[in-house]
PDB file of N, CA and C in Angstrom:
ATOM      1  N   UNK A   1       0.712  -1.213  -0.158  1.00  0.00           N
ATOM      2  CA  UNK A   1       0.145   0.445   0.004  1.00  0.00           C
ATOM      3  C   UNK A   1       1.044   1.270   0.150  1.00  0.00           C
ATOM      4  N   UNK A   2       0.337   1.932  -0.639  1.00  0.00           N
ATOM      5  CA  UNK A   2       1.092   3.470  -0.835  1.00  0.00           C
ATOM      6  C   UNK A   2      -0.275   4.568  -0.173  1.00  0.00           C
ATOM      7  N   UNK A   3       0.636   5.735   0.169  1.00  0.00           N
ATOM      8  CA  UNK A   3       0.007   6.997   0.129  1.00  0.00           C
ATOM      9  C   UNK A   3       0.988   7.969  -0.831  1.00  0.00           C
ATOM     10  N   UNK A   4       0.151   8.993  -1.396  1.00  0.00           N
ATOM     11  CA  UNK A   4       0.021  10.234  -2.185  1.00  0.00           C
ATOM     12  C   UNK A   4      -0.692  11.634  -1.128  1.00  0.00           C
ATOM     13  N   UNK A   5       0.567  12.077  -1.365  1.00  0.00           N
ATOM     14  CA  UNK A   5       0.992  13.324  -0.399  1.00  0.00           C
ATOM     15  C   UNK A   5       0.029  14.479  -1.484  1.00  0.00           C
ATOM     16  N   UNK A   6      -0.712  15.289  -1.097  1.00  0.00           N
ATOM     17  CA  UNK A   6      -0.630  16.556  -2.050  1.00  0.00           C
ATOM     18  C   UNK A   6      -0.573  17.839  -1.278  1.00  0.00           C
ATOM     19  N   UNK A   7      -0.114  18.864  -1.977  1.00  0.00           N
ATOM     20  CA  UNK A   7      -0.580  20.082  -1.169  1.00  0.00           C
ATOM     21  C   UNK A   7      -1.274  21.202  -1.981  1.00  0.00           C
ATOM     22  N   UNK A   8      -2.108  21.519  -1.521  1.00  0.00           N
ATOM     23  CA  UNK A   8      -2.948  22.526  -1.032  1.00  0.00           C
ATOM     24  C   UNK A   8      -2.789  23.843  -0.688  1.00  0.00           C
ATOM     25  N   UNK A   9      -3.405  24.728  -1.631  1.00  0.00           N
ATOM     26  CA  UNK A   9      -3.331  26.136  -1.498  1.00  0.00           C
ATOM     27  C   UNK A   9      -4.218  26.658  -0.047  1.00  0.00           C
ATOM     28  N   UNK A  10      -3.353  27.275   1.134  1.00  0.00           N
ATOM     29  CA  UNK A  10      -4.285  27.396   1.702  1.00  0.00           C
ATOM     30  C   UNK A  10      -5.266  28.541   1.602  1.00  0.00           C
ATOM     31  N   UNK A  11      -4.984  29.096   0.361  1.00  0.00           N
ATOM     32  CA  UNK A  11      -6.477  30.738   0.040  1.00  0.00           C
ATOM     33  C   UNK A  11      -7.575  29.831  -0.562  1.00  0.00           C
ATOM     34  N   UNK A  12      -6.836  29.006  -1.630  1.00  0.00           N
ATOM     35  CA  UNK A  12      -7.795  28.845  -2.476  1.00  0.00           C
ATOM     36  C   UNK A  12      -8.073  27.489  -2.422  1.00  0.00           C
ATOM     37  N   UNK A  13      -7.650  26.319  -1.828  1.00  0.00           N
ATOM     38  CA  UNK A  13      -7.517  24.861  -1.134  1.00  0.00           C
ATOM     39  C   UNK A  13      -7.351  24.262  -2.670  1.00  0.00           C
ATOM     40  N   UNK A  14      -7.142  24.836  -3.787  1.00  0.00           N
ATOM     41  CA  UNK A  14      -6.400  23.741  -5.508  1.00  0.00           C
ATOM     42  C   UNK A  14      -5.424  23.606  -5.038  1.00  0.00           C
ATOM     43  N   UNK A  15      -5.420  22.465  -5.192  1.00  0.00           N
ATOM     44  CA  UNK A  15      -3.447  21.162  -5.162  1.00  0.00           C
ATOM     45  C   UNK A  15      -2.723  22.169  -5.878  1.00  0.00           C
ATOM     46  N   UNK A  16      -1.654  21.983  -5.323  1.00  0.00           N
ATOM     47  CA  UNK A  16      -0.573  23.034  -6.157  1.00  0.00           C
ATOM     48  C   UNK A  16       0.690  21.820  -6.371  1.00  0.00           C
ATOM     49  N   UNK A  17       1.311  21.928  -7.744  1.00  0.00           N
ATOM     50  CA  UNK A  17       2.259  21.166  -7.806  1.00  0.00           C
ATOM     51  C   UNK A  17       3.286  21.340  -7.293  1.00  0.00           C
ATOM     52  N   UNK A  18       3.741  20.412  -6.492  1.00  0.00           N
ATOM     53  CA  UNK A  18       5.564  20.723  -5.981  1.00  0.00           C
ATOM     54  C   UNK A  18       6.021  22.012  -6.075  1.00  0.00           C
ATOM     55  N   UNK A  19       6.233  22.214  -7.925  1.00  0.00           N
ATOM     56  CA  UNK A  19       7.168  23.456  -7.694  1.00  0.00           C
ATOM     57  C   UNK A  19       6.640  24.606  -8.574  1.00  0.00           C
ATOM     58  N   UNK A  20       5.658  24.660  -7.740  1.00  0.00           N
ATOM     59  CA  UNK A  20       4.794  26.179  -7.668  1.00  0.00           C
ATOM     60  C   UNK A  20       4.285  26.836  -6.202  1.00  0.00           C
ATOM     61  N   UNK A  21       4.783  25.643  -5.289  1.00  0.00           N
ATOM     62  CA  UNK A  21       4.285  25.705  -4.176  1.00  0.00           C
ATOM     63  C   UNK A  21       5.418  27.513  -3.692  1.00  0.00           C
ATOM     64  N   UNK A  22       4.587  28.359  -3.055  1.00  0.00           N
ATOM     65  CA  UNK A  22       4.919  29.404  -2.437  1.00  0.00           C
ATOM     66  C   UNK A  22       5.172  29.845  -0.972  1.00  0.00           C
ATOM     67  N   UNK A  23       5.840  29.287  -0.063  1.00  0.00           N
ATOM     68  CA  UNK A  23       5.497  29.127   1.637  1.00  0.00           C
ATOM     69  C   UNK A  23       5.461  30.755   1.767  1.00  0.00           C
ATOM     70  N   UNK A  24       4.396  31.502   2.290  1.00  0.00           N
ATOM     71  CA  UNK A  24       4.719  32.773   2.483  1.00  0.00           C
ATOM     72  C   UNK A  24       4.605  32.816   4.662  1.00  0.00           C
ATOM     73  N   UNK A  25       5.213  33.224   4.942  1.00  0.00           N
ATOM     74  CA  UNK A  25       5.958  33.531   6.266  1.00  0.00           C
ATOM     75  C   UNK A  25       5.177  35.198   6.675  1.00  0.00           C
ATOM     76  N   UNK A  26       4.071  35.454   7.703  1.00  0.00           N
ATOM     77  CA  UNK A  26       3.898  36.835   7.981  1.00  0.00           C
ATOM     78  C   UNK A  26       4.516  36.951   9.655  1.00  0.00           C
ATOM     79  N   UNK A  27       5.275  37.438   9.299  1.00  0.00           N
ATOM     80  CA  UNK A  27       6.167  37.537  10.784  1.00  0.00           C
ATOM     81  C   UNK A  27       5.640  38.319  11.905  1.00  0.00           C
ATOM     82  N   UNK A  28       5.171  39.300  11.340  1.00  0.00           N
ATOM     83  CA  UNK A  28       4.232  40.228  12.545  1.00  0.00           C
ATOM     84  C   UNK A  28       3.191  39.537  13.156  1.00  0.00           C
ATOM     85  N   UNK A  29       2.124  38.643  12.330  1.00  0.00           N
ATOM     86  CA  UNK A  29       1.817  37.738  12.977  1.00  0.00           C
ATOM     87  C   UNK A  29       1.233  36.489  13.140  1.00  0.00           C
ATOM     88  N   UNK A  30       3.168  35.560  13.785  1.00  0.00           N
ATOM     89  CA  UNK A  30       3.786  34.530  13.605  1.00  0.00           C
ATOM     90  C   UNK A  30       2.784  33.607  13.084  1.00  0.00           C
ATOM     91  N   UNK A  31       2.887  33.415  11.709  1.00  0.00           N
ATOM     92  CA  UNK A  31       1.428  32.639  11.090  1.00  0.00           C
ATOM     93  C   UNK A  31       2.657  32.118   9.455  1.00  0.00           C
ATOM     94  N   UNK A  32       2.659  31.005   8.837  1.00  0.00           N
ATOM     95  CA  UNK A  32       3.031  30.464   7.661  1.00  0.00           C
ATOM     96  C   UNK A  32       2.067  29.887   7.338  1.00  0.00           C
ATOM     97  N   UNK A  33       1.673  29.622   5.596  1.00  0.00           N
ATOM     98  CA  UNK A  33       1.058  28.810   4.485  1.00  0.00           C
ATOM     99  C   UNK A  33       1.476  29.260   3.424  1.00  0.00           C
ATOM    100  N   UNK A  34       0.810  27.945   2.549  1.00  0.00           N
ATOM    101  CA  UNK A  34       1.075  27.764   1.054  1.00  0.00           C
ATOM    102  C   UNK A  34      -0.066  28.482   0.201  1.00  0.00           C
ATOM    103  N   UNK A  35       1.135  29.079  -0.996  1.00  0.00           N
ATOM    104  CA  UNK A  35       0.452  29.414  -1.778  1.00  0.00           C
ATOM    105  C   UNK A  35       0.642  29.260  -3.196  1.00  0.00           C
ATOM    106  N   UNK A  36       0.320  30.029  -4.476  1.00  0.00           N
ATOM    107  CA  UNK A  36       0.677  29.690  -5.485  1.00  0.00           C
ATOM    108  C   UNK A  36       1.273  31.301  -5.731  1.00  0.00           C
ATOM    109  N   UNK A  37       2.291  31.770  -7.129  1.00  0.00           N
ATOM    110  CA  UNK A  37       2.718  33.061  -7.399  1.00  0.00           C
ATOM    111  C   UNK A  37       1.694  33.785  -8.045  1.00  0.00           C
ATOM    112  N   UNK A  38       0.390  33.311  -8.641  1.00  0.00           N
ATOM    113  CA  UNK A  38      -0.809  33.987  -9.140  1.00  0.00           C
ATOM    114  C   UNK A  38      -1.424  34.028  -7.713  1.00  0.00           C
ATOM    115  N   UNK A  39      -1.853  33.152  -7.099  1.00  0.00           N
ATOM    116  CA  UNK A  39      -2.627  33.955  -5.862  1.00  0.00           C
ATOM    117  C   UNK A  39      -1.798  35.009  -5.303  1.00  0.00           C
ATOM    118  N   UNK A  40      -0.819  35.186  -5.222  1.00  0.00           N
ATOM    119  CA  UNK A  40       0.134  36.550  -4.262  1.00  0.00           C
ATOM    120  C   UNK A  40       0.121  37.611  -5.467  1.00  0.00           C
ATOM    121  N   UNK A  41      -0.539  37.344  -6.763  1.00  0.00           N
ATOM    122  CA  UNK A  41       0.370  38.572  -7.584  1.00  0.00           C
ATOM    123  C   UNK A  41      -0.713  39.924  -7.498  1.00  0.00           C
ATOM    124  N   UNK A  42      -1.633  39.794  -6.425  1.00  0.00           N
ATOM    125  CA  UNK A  42      -2.407  40.907  -5.984  1.00  0.00           C
ATOM    126  C   UNK A  42      -1.713  41.772  -5.046  1.00  0.00           C
ATOM    127  N   UNK A  43      -0.786  41.137  -4.375  1.00  0.00           N
ATOM    128  CA  UNK A  43      -0.173  42.034  -3.167  1.00  0.00           C
ATOM    129  C   UNK A  43       0.999  42.437  -3.917  1.00  0.00           C
ATOM    130  N   UNK A  44       0.507  44.384  -3.485  1.00  0.00           N
ATOM    131  CA  UNK A  44       1.389  44.919  -4.100  1.00  0.00           C
ATOM    132  C   UNK A  44       2.503  45.308  -3.046  1.00  0.00           C
ATOM    133  N   UNK A  45       4.007  45.358  -3.635  1.00  0.00           N
ATOM    134  CA  UNK A  45       4.707  45.625  -3.268  1.00  0.00           C
ATOM    135  C   UNK A  45       5.235  47.137  -2.817  1.00  0.00           C
ATOM    136  N   UNK A  46       5.776  47.324  -1.740  1.00  0.00           N
ATOM    137  CA  UNK A  46       6.256  48.643  -1.354  1.00  0.00           C
ATOM    138  C   UNK A  46       8.073  48.166  -1.656  1.00  0.00           C
ATOM    139  N   UNK A  47       7.969  49.815  -2.154  1.00  0.00           N
ATOM    140  CA  UNK A  47       9.158  49.751  -2.800  1.00  0.00           C
ATOM    141  C   UNK A  47      10.148  50.883  -1.776  1.00  0.00           C
ATOM    142  N   UNK A  48      11.477  50.877  -1.747  1.00  0.00           N
ATOM    143  CA  UNK A  48      12.247  52.074  -0.857  1.00  0.00           C
ATOM    144  C   UNK A  48      12.234  51.814   0.290  1.00  0.00           C
ATOM    145  N   UNK A  49      11.586  51.054   1.309  1.00  0.00           N
ATOM    146  CA  UNK A  49      11.210  50.711   2.516  1.00  0.00           C
ATOM    147  C   UNK A  49      12.471  50.192   3.436  1.00  0.00           C
ATOM    148  N   UNK A  50      12.559  49.972   4.696  1.00  0.00           N
ATOM    149  CA  UNK A  50      13.216  49.374   5.489  1.00  0.00           C
ATOM    150  C   UNK A  50      12.384  49.115   6.813  1.00  0.00           C
ATOM    151  N   UNK A  51      12.788  47.633   7.087  1.00  0.00           N
ATOM    152  CA  UNK A  51      12.015  47.091   8.681  1.00  0.00           C
ATOM    153  C   UNK A  51      13.234  47.468   9.159  1.00  0.00           C
ATOM    154  N   UNK A  52      12.175  47.878  10.344  1.00  0.00           N
ATOM    155  CA  UNK A  52      13.351  48.119  11.706  1.00  0.00           C
ATOM    156  C   UNK A  52      12.715  47.426  12.811  1.00  0.00           C
ATOM    157  N   UNK A  53      13.602  47.116  13.467  1.00  0.00           N
ATOM    158  CA  UNK A  53      12.940  46.252  14.658  1.00  0.00           C
ATOM    159  C   UNK A  53      13.905  46.884  16.057  1.00  0.00           C
ATOM    160  N   UNK A  54      12.336  47.600  17.075  1.00  0.00           N
ATOM    161  CA  UNK A  54      12.509  48.390  17.988  1.00  0.00           C
ATOM    162  C   UNK A  54      12.756  47.428  19.254  1.00  0.00           C
ATOM    163  N   UNK A  55      13.623  47.722  20.219  1.00  0.00           N
ATOM    164  CA  UNK A  55      14.445  46.589  20.765  1.00  0.00           C
ATOM    165  C   UNK A  55      14.147  47.421  22.459  1.00  0.00           C
ATOM    166  N   UNK A  56      12.988  47.334  22.916  1.00  0.00           N
ATOM    167  CA  UNK A  56      12.950  48.369  24.614  1.00  0.00           C
ATOM    168  C   UNK A  56      13.589  48.072  25.289  1.00  0.00           C
ATOM    169  N   UNK A  57      13.939  48.743  26.686  1.00  0.00           N
ATOM    170  CA  UNK A  57      14.253  48.002  27.511  1.00  0.00           C
ATOM    171  C   UNK A  57      14.041  47.183  28.619  1.00  0.00           C
ATOM    172  N   UNK A  58      12.685  47.368  28.294  1.00  0.00           N
ATOM    173  CA  UNK A  58      11.833  46.364  28.952  1.00  0.00           C
ATOM    174  C   UNK A  58      11.398  45.432  28.536  1.00  0.00           C
ATOM    175  N   UNK A  59      12.088  45.037  27.150  1.00  0.00           N
ATOM    176  CA  UNK A  59      12.240  43.875  26.690  1.00  0.00           C
ATOM    177  C   UNK A  59      11.212  43.778  25.355  1.00  0.00           C
ATOM    178  N   UNK A  60      10.168  44.630  25.467  1.00  0.00           N
ATOM    179  CA  UNK A  60       9.054  44.619  24.758  1.00  0.00           C
ATOM    180  C   UNK A  60      10.054  44.712  23.195  1.00  0.00           C
ATOM    181  N   UNK A  61       9.215  44.466  22.020  1.00  0.00           N
ATOM    182  CA  UNK A  61       9.951  44.600  20.337  1.00  0.00           C
ATOM    183  C   UNK A  61       8.716  44.510  19.633  1.00  0.00           C
ATOM    184  N   UNK A  62       9.189  45.317  18.633  1.00  0.00           N
ATOM    185  CA  UNK A  62       8.311  45.988  17.901  1.00  0.00           C
ATOM    186  C   UNK A  62       8.845  46.027  16.739  1.00  0.00           C
ATOM    187  N   UNK A  63       8.375  46.046  15.253  1.00  0.00           N
ATOM    188  CA  UNK A  63       8.800  46.128  14.138  1.00  0.00           C
ATOM    189  C   UNK A  63       7.477  47.216  13.343  1.00  0.00           C
ATOM    190  N   UNK A  64       8.858  47.571  12.798  1.00  0.00           N
ATOM    191  CA  UNK A  64       7.909  48.661  12.080  1.00  0.00           C
ATOM    192  C   UNK A  64       8.400  49.270  10.391  1.00  0.00           C
ATOM    193  N   UNK A  65       8.263  49.749   9.995  1.00  0.00           N
ATOM    194  CA  UNK A  65       8.469  49.448   8.068  1.00  0.00           C
ATOM    195  C   UNK A  65       8.248  50.976   8.003  1.00  0.00           C
ATOM    196  N   UNK A  66       9.421  51.884   7.578  1.00  0.00           N
ATOM    197  CA  UNK A  66       9.535  53.330   7.262  1.00  0.00           C
ATOM    198  C   UNK A  66      10.058  53.256   6.182  1.00  0.00           C
ATOM    199  N   UNK A  67       9.793  54.726   5.543  1.00  0.00           N
ATOM    200  CA  UNK A  67      10.174  54.913   4.342  1.00  0.00           C
ATOM    201  C   UNK A  67      11.715  55.500   4.484  1.00  0.00           C
ATOM    202  N   UNK A  68      12.287  54.899   3.254  1.00  0.00           N
ATOM    203  CA  UNK A  68      14.075  55.059   3.242  1.00  0.00           C
ATOM    204  C   UNK A  68      14.069  56.458   3.267  1.00  0.00           C
ATOM    205  N   UNK A  69      13.720  57.765   3.159  1.00  0.00           N
ATOM    206  CA  UNK A  69      13.885  58.509   2.979  1.00  0.00           C
ATOM    207  C   UNK A  69      13.767  59.310   4.529  1.00  0.00           C
ATOM    208  N   UNK A  70      12.713  58.767   4.814  1.00  0.00           N
ATOM    209  CA  UNK A  70      12.464  59.275   6.420  1.00  0.00           C
ATOM    210  C   UNK A  70      13.917  58.683   7.191  1.00  0.00           C
ATOM    211  N   UNK A  71      13.471  57.268   7.024  1.00  0.00           N
ATOM    212  CA  UNK A  71      15.038  56.864   7.908  1.00  0.00           C
ATOM    213  C   UNK A  71      16.342  57.515   7.507  1.00  0.00           C
ATOM    214  N   UNK A  72      16.394  58.502   6.202  1.00  0.00           N
ATOM    215  CA  UNK A  72      17.991  58.546   5.936  1.00  0.00           C
ATOM    216  C   UNK A  72      17.587  59.845   7.009  1.00  0.00           C
ATOM    217  N   UNK A  73      16.673  60.620   6.803  1.00  0.00           N
ATOM    218  CA  UNK A  73      16.499  62.088   7.632  1.00  0.00           C
ATOM    219  C   UNK A  73      17.274  61.996   9.145  1.00  0.00           C
ATOM    220  N   UNK A  74      16.671  60.533  10.144  1.00  0.00           N
ATOM    221  CA  UNK A  74      16.898  60.501  11.499  1.00  0.00           C
ATOM    222  C   UNK A  74      18.126  59.742  11.409  1.00  0.00           C
ATOM    223  N   UNK A  75      18.932  58.726  11.105  1.00  0.00           N
ATOM    224  CA  UNK A  75      19.879  57.601  10.598  1.00  0.00           C
ATOM    225  C   UNK A  75      21.133  57.820   9.667  1.00  0.00           C
ATOM    226  N   UNK A  76      22.190  58.912   9.655  1.00  0.00           N
ATOM    227  CA  UNK A  76      23.051  58.896   9.036  1.00  0.00           C
ATOM    228  C   UNK A  76      23.725  57.665   8.628  1.00  0.00           C
ATOM    229  N   UNK A  77      24.503  58.460   7.259  1.00  0.00           N
ATOM    230  CA  UNK A  77      25.261  56.771   6.832  1.00  0.00           C
ATOM    231  C   UNK A  77      26.471  56.865   8.262  1.00  0.00           C
ATOM    232  N   UNK A  78      26.909  57.672   8.267  1.00  0.00           N
ATOM    233  CA  UNK A  78      27.963  57.787   9.218  1.00  0.00           C
ATOM    234  C   UNK A  78      27.674  56.955  10.677  1.00  0.00           C
ATOM    235  N   UNK A  79      26.704  57.013  11.205  1.00  0.00           N
ATOM    236  CA  UNK A  79      26.030  56.414  12.259  1.00  0.00           C
ATOM    237  C   UNK A  79      26.173  55.095  11.648  1.00  0.00           C
ATOM    238  N   UNK A  80      25.268  54.346  10.519  1.00  0.00           N
ATOM    239  CA  UNK A  80      25.128  52.599  10.104  1.00  0.00           C
ATOM    240  C   UNK A  80      26.678  52.185   9.444  1.00  0.00           C
ATOM    241  N   UNK A  81      27.959  52.983   9.374  1.00  0.00           N
ATOM    242  CA  UNK A  81      29.022  52.636   9.166  1.00  0.00           C
ATOM    243  C   UNK A  81      29.616  52.026  10.665  1.00  0.00           C
ATOM    244  N   UNK A  82      29.331  52.921  11.571  1.00  0.00           N
ATOM    245  CA  UNK A  82      29.912  52.731  13.297  1.00  0.00           C
ATOM    246  C   UNK A  82      29.259  51.629  13.574  1.00  0.00           C
ATOM    247  N   UNK A  83      28.068  50.992  13.093  1.00  0.00           N
ATOM    248  CA  UNK A  83      26.729  50.354  13.898  1.00  0.00           C
ATOM    249  C   UNK A  83      27.196  49.049  13.486  1.00  0.00           C
ATOM    250  N   UNK A  84      27.170  47.958  14.621  1.00  0.00           N
ATOM    251  CA  UNK A  84      27.633  46.602  14.307  1.00  0.00           C
ATOM    252  C   UNK A  84      26.649  46.216  13.814  1.00  0.00           C
ATOM    253  N   UNK A  85      27.439  44.631  13.261  1.00  0.00           N
ATOM    254  CA  UNK A  85      25.996  43.470  11.902  1.00  0.00           C
ATOM    255  C   UNK A  85      25.230  42.759  13.349  1.00  0.00           C
ATOM    256  N   UNK A  86      24.229  42.684  12.556  1.00  0.00           N
ATOM    257  CA  UNK A  86      23.365  41.806  13.772  1.00  0.00           C
ATOM    258  C   UNK A  86      24.045  40.098  13.982  1.00  0.00           C
ATOM    259  N   UNK A  87      25.004  40.030  13.058  1.00  0.00           N
ATOM    260  CA  UNK A  87      25.703  38.775  13.058  1.00  0.00           C
ATOM    261  C   UNK A  87      27.405  39.192  14.084  1.00  0.00           C
ATOM    262  N   UNK A  88      27.487  38.172  15.039  1.00  0.00           N
ATOM    263  CA  UNK A  88      28.805  37.852  15.023  1.00  0.00           C
ATOM    264  C   UNK A  88      29.272  39.100  16.284  1.00  0.00           C
ATOM    265  N   UNK A  89      30.315  39.191  16.567  1.00  0.00           N
ATOM    266  CA  UNK A  89      30.828  40.039  17.553  1.00  0.00           C
ATOM    267  C   UNK A  89      30.842  41.676  17.428  1.00  0.00           C
ATOM    268  N   UNK A  90      30.875  42.357  18.373  1.00  0.00           N
ATOM    269  CA  UNK A  90      30.691  43.578  18.038  1.00  0.00           C
ATOM    270  C   UNK A  90      31.792  44.338  17.826  1.00  0.00           C
ATOM    271  N   UNK A  91      31.743  45.589  17.190  1.00  0.00           N
ATOM    272  CA  UNK A  91      32.802  46.098  16.336  1.00  0.00           C
ATOM    273  C   UNK A  91      33.888  46.755  17.504  1.00  0.00           C
ATOM    274  N   UNK A  92      34.931  46.086  17.085  1.00  0.00           N
ATOM    275  CA  UNK A  92      36.175  46.920  17.771  1.00  0.00           C
ATOM    276  C   UNK A  92      36.303  45.353  18.914  1.00  0.00           C
ATOM    277  N   UNK A  93      35.866  44.855  19.087  1.00  0.00           N
ATOM    278  CA  UNK A  93      35.880  43.364  19.864  1.00  0.00           C
ATOM    279  C   UNK A  93      37.088  42.164  19.639  1.00  0.00           C
ATOM    280  N   UNK A  94      37.939  42.292  20.107  1.00  0.00           N
ATOM    281  CA  UNK A  94      38.878  41.047  20.151  1.00  0.00           C
ATOM    282  C   UNK A  94      39.262  40.633  21.552  1.00  0.00           C
ATOM    283  N   UNK A  95      38.822  39.270  21.458  1.00  0.00           N
ATOM    284  CA  UNK A  95      38.967  38.477  22.605  1.00  0.00           C
ATOM    285  C   UNK A  95      40.130  38.383  22.694  1.00  0.00           C
ATOM    286  N   UNK A  96      41.549  38.280  22.694  1.00  0.00           N
ATOM    287  CA  UNK A  96      42.941  38.634  23.196  1.00  0.00           C
ATOM    288  C   UNK A  96      42.945  40.119  24.166  1.00  0.00           C
ATOM    289  N   UNK A  97      42.456  41.014  23.658  1.00  0.00           N
ATOM    290  CA  UNK A  97      42.032  42.098  24.622  1.00  0.00           C
ATOM    291  C   UNK A  97      41.772  42.215  25.964  1.00  0.00           C
ATOM    292  N   UNK A  98      40.765  41.137  25.762  1.00  0.00           N
ATOM    293  CA  UNK A  98      40.016  41.228  27.607  1.00  0.00           C
ATOM    294  C   UNK A  98      40.631  41.125  28.426  1.00  0.00           C
ATOM    295  N   UNK A  99      41.653  40.356  28.353  1.00  0.00           N
ATOM    296  CA  UNK A  99      42.736  40.052  29.670  1.00  0.00           C
ATOM    297  C   UNK A  99      44.049  40.783  29.988  1.00  0.00           C
ATOM    298  N   UNK A 100      44.162  41.971  29.283  1.00  0.00           N
ATOM    299  CA  UNK A 100      45.219  42.682  28.965  1.00  0.00           C
ATOM    300  C   UNK A 100      46.037  42.135  28.058  1.00  0.00           C
ATOM    301  N   UNK A 101      45.556  41.060  27.592  1.00  0.00           N
ATOM    302  CA  UNK A 101      46.967  40.376  26.310  1.00  0.00           C
ATOM    303  C   UNK A 101      47.280  41.192  25.108  1.00  0.00           C
TER     304      UNK A 101
END
């Protein structure tokens, strides 16, 4: 006996060929679902925007999307050049320098 698995669109319920499946992750709602490119074609993409996560001292986090030109008015290129990356060590950190070595 064998089993056949079929992927279906969570939007329309239609069967989707494996090569047409797009998994949509909605980070702000902590949800994900399957659809096709054709079903998602009506979504209008925003351009020239920046996604920002604000991490407050009390542990509260929020994600906002801002216009690039408005972001550039507040955060200069110099600030971004000095900023740490979100991966790895902080700028200027050297493990050997910790203990006066």
